[in-house]
Protein backbone atom coordinates (compact mmCIF):
# COMPACT_ATOMS: atom_id res chain seq x y z
CA UNK A 1 126.84 181.55 316.19
CA UNK A 2 126.98 179.78 319.60
CA UNK A 3 123.18 179.85 319.97
CA UNK A 4 122.80 178.44 316.47
CA UNK A 5 125.22 175.63 317.24
CA UNK A 6 123.39 174.77 320.44
CA UNK A 7 120.06 174.85 318.75
CA UNK A 8 121.43 172.42 316.18
CA UNK A 9 122.97 170.13 318.88
CA UNK A 10 119.77 170.12 320.92
CA UNK A 11 117.21 170.21 318.22
CA UNK A 12 118.86 168.11 315.59
CA UNK A 13 119.01 168.70 311.87
CA UNK A 14 116.07 168.31 309.46
CA UNK A 15 116.02 165.21 307.32
CA UNK A 16 116.29 165.44 303.55
CA UNK A 17 112.69 166.23 302.73
CA UNK A 18 112.73 167.87 299.30
CA UNK A 19 116.09 169.51 299.53
CA UNK A 20 117.62 167.81 296.52
CA UNK A 21 119.88 169.97 294.45
CA UNK A 22 119.35 170.57 290.72
CA UNK A 23 122.67 168.86 289.77
CA UNK A 24 121.78 165.56 291.39
CA UNK A 25 124.19 165.99 294.33
CA UNK A 26 123.13 164.97 297.77
CA UNK A 27 121.22 167.67 299.66
CA UNK A 28 123.46 169.65 301.99
CA UNK A 29 122.17 167.98 305.14
CA UNK A 30 122.86 164.49 303.72
CA UNK A 31 126.10 162.60 303.35
CA UNK A 32 127.40 160.52 300.49
CA UNK A 33 127.48 157.09 302.06
CA UNK A 34 126.77 153.61 300.90
CA UNK A 35 126.30 151.44 303.88
CA UNK A 36 126.63 148.30 301.78
CA UNK A 37 130.17 149.42 300.59
CA UNK A 38 131.86 149.71 303.99
CA UNK A 39 133.18 147.22 306.55
CA UNK A 40 131.47 147.52 310.00
CA UNK A 41 133.45 147.38 313.24
CA UNK A 42 130.89 145.21 314.80
CA UNK A 43 127.58 143.62 313.89
CA UNK A 44 125.18 146.51 313.24
CA UNK A 45 122.49 145.80 315.84
CA UNK A 46 120.86 148.37 318.21
CA UNK A 47 122.42 146.67 321.24
CA UNK A 48 125.87 147.00 319.78
CA UNK A 49 125.41 150.54 318.40
CA UNK A 50 124.19 151.68 321.84
CA UNK A 51 126.78 149.78 323.94
CA UNK A 52 129.84 150.15 321.68
CA UNK A 53 129.40 153.62 320.12
CA UNK A 54 126.65 155.83 321.58
CA UNK A 55 127.16 155.04 325.36
CA UNK A 56 130.94 155.30 325.45
CA UNK A 57 131.26 158.23 323.04
CA UNK A 58 128.24 160.31 323.89
CA UNK A 59 126.73 159.15 327.14
CA UNK A 60 129.48 159.02 329.77
CA UNK A 61 128.26 160.96 332.84
CA UNK A 62 130.30 164.01 333.71
CA UNK A 63 132.08 164.29 330.40
CA UNK A 64 129.91 163.65 327.40
CA UNK A 65 127.31 165.83 325.71
CA UNK A 66 124.45 163.51 326.51
CA UNK A 67 125.70 161.77 329.62
CA UNK A 68 123.71 163.52 332.42
CA UNK A 69 121.26 166.30 332.98
CA UNK A 70 124.00 168.93 333.28
CA UNK A 71 125.54 168.17 329.87
CA UNK A 72 125.06 170.61 326.99
CA UNK A 73 123.32 168.10 324.75
CA UNK A 74 120.91 167.14 327.51
CA UNK A 75 119.21 170.57 327.61
CA UNK A 76 116.72 169.26 324.94
CA UNK A 77 116.14 166.11 326.96
CA UNK A 78 118.38 163.98 324.89
CA UNK A 79 120.18 161.75 327.40
CA UNK A 80 122.00 158.55 326.42
CA UNK A 81 121.55 156.66 329.62
CA UNK A 82 118.78 154.14 328.86
CA UNK A 83 118.82 151.92 325.73
CA UNK A 84 115.04 152.12 325.10
CA UNK A 85 114.69 155.88 325.75
CA UNK A 86 117.70 156.60 323.51
CA UNK A 87 116.32 154.50 320.66
CA UNK A 88 113.01 156.40 320.97
CA UNK A 89 114.68 159.76 321.02
CA UNK A 90 116.82 158.94 317.97
CA UNK A 91 113.78 157.78 315.89
CA UNK A 92 111.03 160.05 317.26
CA UNK A 93 113.31 163.10 317.73
CA UNK A 94 114.30 163.16 314.07
CA UNK A 95 117.92 162.07 314.43
CA UNK A 96 117.47 158.80 312.45
CA UNK A 97 115.52 158.25 309.31
CA UNK A 98 115.11 154.41 309.40
CA UNK A 99 116.37 152.90 306.12
CA UNK A 100 118.05 156.20 305.04
CA UNK A 101 121.60 156.39 306.33
CA UNK A 102 122.49 159.17 303.87
CA UNK A 103 119.95 161.61 305.18
CA UNK A 104 119.70 160.73 308.83
CA UNK A 105 120.89 163.72 310.85
CA UNK A 106 122.90 161.40 313.13
CA UNK A 107 125.01 160.19 310.14
CA UNK A 108 125.36 163.77 308.97
CA UNK A 109 126.76 164.73 312.34
CA UNK A 110 129.06 161.63 312.43
CA UNK A 111 130.33 162.01 308.86
CA UNK A 112 130.46 165.82 308.30
CA UNK A 113 133.57 167.58 307.50
CA UNK A 114 132.27 170.72 309.27
CA UNK A 115 134.09 170.63 312.62
CA UNK A 116 131.53 172.83 314.34
CA UNK A 117 128.86 170.16 313.67
CA UNK A 118 130.90 166.99 314.05
CA UNK A 119 129.81 164.58 316.77
CA UNK A 120 131.43 163.84 319.05
CA UNK A 121 132.49 167.53 319.26
CA UNK A 122 136.03 168.61 320.04
CA UNK A 123 137.58 165.30 319.20
CA UNK A 124 138.56 163.10 316.35
CA UNK A 125 135.71 161.63 314.29
CA UNK A 126 134.65 158.15 315.12
CA UNK A 127 136.59 155.45 313.24
CA UNK A 128 135.13 154.74 309.78
CA UNK A 129 134.36 151.18 310.62
CA UNK A 130 132.48 152.28 313.71
CA UNK A 131 130.55 154.86 311.66
CA UNK A 132 129.92 152.05 309.08
CA UNK A 133 128.24 149.98 311.89
CA UNK A 134 125.88 152.87 312.77
CA UNK A 135 125.15 153.45 309.05
CA UNK A 136 124.39 149.79 308.49
CA UNK A 137 122.10 149.76 311.48
CA UNK A 138 120.14 152.74 310.10
CA UNK A 139 120.09 151.35 306.53
CA UNK A 140 118.69 148.05 307.83
CA UNK A 141 115.73 149.87 309.48
CA UNK A 142 117.18 151.06 312.84
CA UNK A 143 115.34 148.30 314.69
CA UNK A 144 115.80 147.43 318.31
């Protein structure tokens, strides 16, 4: 169980692909979210997503999962210390499907009800308006 969780944290989750269910429901690794129907906490730009959500929630050295090389989430090389490198890792590492907030693994991890998969782990979920900002950034193309 622990090794599976670590693999998911380090390796991410697959995107939707062809995992649609027969009943029209969202695939299990997607979330039901409409980024146009929520109110963002802040303007959904990469600069703000990085500086107001990712860095303070996930990238604090010594305490966050992706804050320094000794953190559990850093074992796969995913550090949230540099804005450009973090953006590249999110998009090239399979965490963000630009234009698809519902099936981006990052949104799944932020919106899931499964506490063992929720990011940030071991704490309360991010505020809905903050998650909305991230979702809108993804829906708008996840640009820098």
